[in-house]
Amino acid sequence: MIESWLKSRKAYAVFGEKVSKIFDINIGVPQDSSLSQYVFIVFHYDIINCLGAHSGHLFSDDLSVLIRSSITKSLTPMIQYLEKEGTRICNLAYAPFKKWKQSINISKTVVQVFHTQVKIPAVNVMMNGEKVQVIKEFKYLSFTWTDRLSLKPTIEKCVGNIQRSVGKLRWLKSGRNLSVTALQQCFFTYTFPQSAWLFPFFLLLPETQQQILQQIFRVSLRLVYRCPFVSAHNLYNFISEHSLEFFVKKYIQKRLKTMHVTDLGSSLFYNDIFVWNDYYKRRDDHLGHFFAVGVYDIY
């Protein structure tokens, strides 16, 4: 089945009114196919075997590796370690692609250094003899991280999406004889999911940002139930609707209840926070200080 799925594939290009001749496709996998991601993972499952004690997250063809330097009093040894270890991991990750004749675009491979310094020194990480670009901001799986570990760009994007959705809700309400039920369905279908993006780290947001999200949520409900003058204190009792805090609490409780039986419970990033004792550790790799939950004699 997989062989027939990959063979005899053809395509053509369209530019304006011009259409190219039909040509054969002999490499890659069909785009937008659910099977493509699984085949890619099976083909490159061994790429994460090179990470050792470093944690990594692989989603389809997006690989993220977290390398933490040893804790020292000066910055220079930390930078040197990141350069040496980063180059080693990049070359080890490059080897499976070279072995299986799968091209990797080094120009799209980036390094991001998380720091609290006013100015971070240059970090030179190499992959197959080429220098990897160092960036201050990176988008990974729809989340934008800055070099100060700030989620501000992601939060601002979510807030912007919510406000645009509320604007469309206001447009639907004005001059149209829509029922409250229809507006409510539109709200929970298109506007509310934009807020749900922030539920995983809602409690970590500054109080001002939490208040902004709560205010937008109340404005939306006032539009839906056509009660613009009801105070924030009386709103939820007046419309018999739950608050944003209720949905956040419900989401977090559900995740905590099912975390141990989901993929998150066995992921490397989850172990970054909670447990490290199932990792393979190389002797003298200067990573012992990462095992911070009472784990001893790990080799």
Foldseek 3Di string as FASTA:
>chain_A
DVVVQQPPDWDWDDDPPDIGDIDGDNDAHDPPDPVRLVVQCVLLVCLCVLLFLWAWDDGRPDIDTDDAFFDDPDDVVRLVLCQVVLQVSLQSSVVSCVVVVNDDDQQPAEDAAADDDPDDDDHFHDHPRHTHHYDQWDADPQFIAGSPRDRVVSLVVLVVQLVVLLVVLLVCLPPDDDALVVSVVSCVVRRVVSVVVCLVCLVVDPPVSNVVVQVSVLCSNCSSVVPNPDDPVCRCVVVVDDGPVVVSVVVVVVCVVCVCVDVNVVHRVNCQPPARQVTAHDPPSSCVVSGPPPDDDHD
